[in-house]
Amino acid sequence: MTDIIYLTSPQVSNEALNALFDAAWKGHQHRDFQPILQRSLTYMCAYSEEVLVGFVNVAWDGGVHAFLLDTTVHRDFQRQGIGQQLVQEAIREARRQGCHWLHVDFEPHLESFYRACGFQDTRAGLIQLQR
């Protein structure tokens, strides 16, 4: 197994992020990540030999609530603990920056992953604004 390096909010290009999302998510549409990253509380990146292989974004409300978004690991690196390590690093950084709560929404098939990361079930509401 290759050594993985975890970095907090490094400079990361749209090309690297779009390549990662292409490798992890079927049907990914390329986008400009920079406006998102500029507004984030923090984000974590995982690298293998200088190639971006993992990412998680921590958005926030400007106060005590943070939101985990876009947890992504390259398909060739999945099931090696990289996703859980990214989430643990994000938890530590959000706590360090003064957040009291870290929220995450996920699809049912990801429940065991997020439970293993320490998340508990809560009641929440959701409305789809665009289809």
Protein backbone atom coordinates (compact mmCIF):
# COMPACT_ATOMS: atom_id res chain seq x y z
CA MET A 1 0.00 0.00 0.00
CA THR A 2 1.26 3.47 -0.91
CA ASP A 3 1.85 6.02 1.83
CA ILE A 4 -0.97 8.56 1.99
CA ILE A 5 -0.31 12.17 3.00
CA TYR A 6 -3.18 14.21 4.48
CA LEU A 7 -3.15 17.99 4.13
CA THR A 8 -5.44 20.67 5.52
CA SER A 9 -6.69 23.21 2.97
CA PRO A 10 -3.79 22.97 0.50
CA GLN A 11 -3.81 24.75 -2.83
CA VAL A 12 -5.67 22.30 -5.06
CA SER A 13 -6.57 22.82 -8.70
CA ASN A 14 -9.89 22.33 -10.42
CA GLU A 15 -8.14 19.83 -12.70
CA ALA A 16 -7.03 17.67 -9.75
CA LEU A 17 -10.45 17.81 -8.08
CA ASN A 18 -12.35 17.07 -11.28
CA ALA A 19 -10.02 14.14 -12.05
CA LEU A 20 -10.65 12.74 -8.56
CA PHE A 21 -14.43 13.18 -8.86
CA ASP A 22 -14.36 11.59 -12.34
CA ALA A 23 -12.63 8.55 -10.85
CA ALA A 24 -15.03 8.31 -7.89
CA TRP A 25 -18.47 9.39 -9.11
CA LYS A 26 -20.25 8.15 -12.22
CA GLY A 27 -21.54 11.04 -14.32
CA HIS A 28 -19.54 13.76 -12.56
CA GLN A 29 -19.92 17.11 -14.32
CA HIS A 30 -16.75 19.23 -14.29
CA ARG A 31 -17.06 22.39 -12.26
CA ASP A 32 -15.12 25.26 -10.76
CA PHE A 33 -14.38 24.27 -7.16
CA GLN A 34 -12.53 27.47 -6.24
CA PRO A 35 -15.57 29.55 -5.13
CA ILE A 36 -16.64 26.62 -2.94
CA LEU A 37 -13.21 26.18 -1.36
CA GLN A 38 -12.91 29.92 -0.67
CA ARG A 39 -16.10 29.81 1.40
CA SER A 40 -15.26 26.60 3.25
CA LEU A 41 -14.24 26.48 6.89
CA THR A 42 -11.60 24.00 5.78
CA TYR A 43 -11.12 20.99 3.55
CA MET A 44 -8.90 17.95 3.69
CA CYS A 45 -6.97 16.35 0.84
CA ALA A 46 -5.28 12.96 0.66
CA TYR A 47 -2.37 12.45 -1.70
CA SER A 48 -0.55 9.38 -2.95
CA GLU A 49 2.74 10.29 -4.63
CA GLU A 50 1.47 13.84 -5.28
CA VAL A 51 -1.78 12.59 -6.88
CA LEU A 52 -5.01 13.69 -5.21
CA VAL A 53 -6.80 10.50 -4.11
CA GLY A 54 -9.19 11.82 -1.45
CA PHE A 55 -11.09 14.94 -0.48
CA VAL A 56 -13.67 16.17 2.00
CA ASN A 57 -15.07 19.68 2.35
CA VAL A 58 -16.16 21.30 5.61
CA ALA A 59 -18.68 24.04 4.91
CA TRP A 60 -20.04 26.14 7.76
CA ASP A 61 -22.59 28.69 8.85
CA GLY A 62 -20.03 31.20 10.11
CA GLY A 63 -20.75 30.15 13.69
CA VAL A 64 -20.77 26.82 15.50
CA HIS A 65 -22.27 24.51 12.87
CA ALA A 66 -20.17 22.84 10.19
CA PHE A 67 -21.26 20.51 7.41
CA LEU A 68 -19.34 17.65 5.87
CA LEU A 69 -19.68 17.61 2.08
CA ASP A 70 -18.27 15.71 -0.88
CA THR A 71 -16.39 12.96 0.94
CA THR A 72 -14.62 11.40 -2.04
CA VAL A 73 -11.95 8.73 -2.49
CA HIS A 74 -10.55 7.61 -5.84
CA ARG A 75 -12.01 4.21 -6.78
CA ASP A 76 -8.52 2.63 -6.84
CA PHE A 77 -7.93 3.72 -3.23
CA GLN A 78 -11.29 2.91 -1.65
CA ARG A 79 -11.65 0.50 1.28
CA GLN A 80 -8.21 1.37 2.64
CA GLY A 81 -9.32 3.70 5.44
CA ILE A 82 -8.60 6.91 3.53
CA GLY A 83 -12.18 8.17 3.70
CA GLN A 84 -12.39 7.57 7.45
CA GLN A 85 -9.04 9.27 8.00
CA LEU A 86 -10.17 12.29 5.94
CA VAL A 87 -13.34 12.55 8.04
CA GLN A 88 -11.37 12.23 11.31
CA GLU A 89 -8.99 14.99 10.17
CA ALA A 90 -12.01 17.16 9.24
CA ILE A 91 -13.57 16.53 12.67
CA ARG A 92 -10.36 17.56 14.44
CA GLU A 93 -9.99 20.71 12.33
CA ALA A 94 -13.63 21.77 12.76
CA ARG A 95 -13.29 21.29 16.53
CA ARG A 96 -10.00 23.22 16.54
CA GLN A 97 -11.66 26.11 14.73
CA GLY A 98 -14.41 26.35 17.36
CA CYS A 99 -17.32 24.47 15.82
CA HIS A 100 -19.67 22.72 18.23
CA TRP A 101 -21.54 20.58 15.73
CA LEU A 102 -20.59 18.72 12.57
CA HIS A 103 -23.48 17.61 10.38
CA VAL A 104 -23.48 15.15 7.50
CA ASP A 105 -26.22 13.95 5.17
CA PHE A 106 -25.75 10.64 3.39
CA GLU A 107 -27.49 7.97 1.41
CA PRO A 108 -28.52 4.76 3.22
CA HIS A 109 -25.66 2.69 1.79
CA LEU A 110 -23.16 5.01 3.53
CA GLU A 111 -24.68 4.62 7.01
CA SER A 112 -22.09 2.13 8.28
CA PHE A 113 -19.24 4.33 7.01
CA TYR A 114 -20.47 7.43 8.84
CA ARG A 115 -21.36 5.46 11.97
CA ALA A 116 -17.79 4.12 11.99
CA CYS A 117 -16.63 7.76 11.81
CA GLY A 118 -18.63 8.54 14.98
CA PHE A 119 -21.79 10.12 13.57
CA GLN A 120 -25.17 9.44 15.16
CA ASP A 121 -28.61 9.46 13.59
CA THR A 122 -30.66 12.63 13.98
CA ARG A 123 -33.95 13.82 12.61
CA ALA A 124 -33.58 16.18 9.70
CA GLY A 125 -35.59 17.57 6.83
CA LEU A 126 -34.71 17.91 3.17
CA ILE A 127 -36.33 19.53 0.19
CA GLN A 128 -35.03 19.15 -3.37
CA LEU A 129 -34.97 22.62 -4.95
CA GLN A 130 -33.90 21.64 -8.47
CA ARG A 131 -34.16 18.45 -10.43
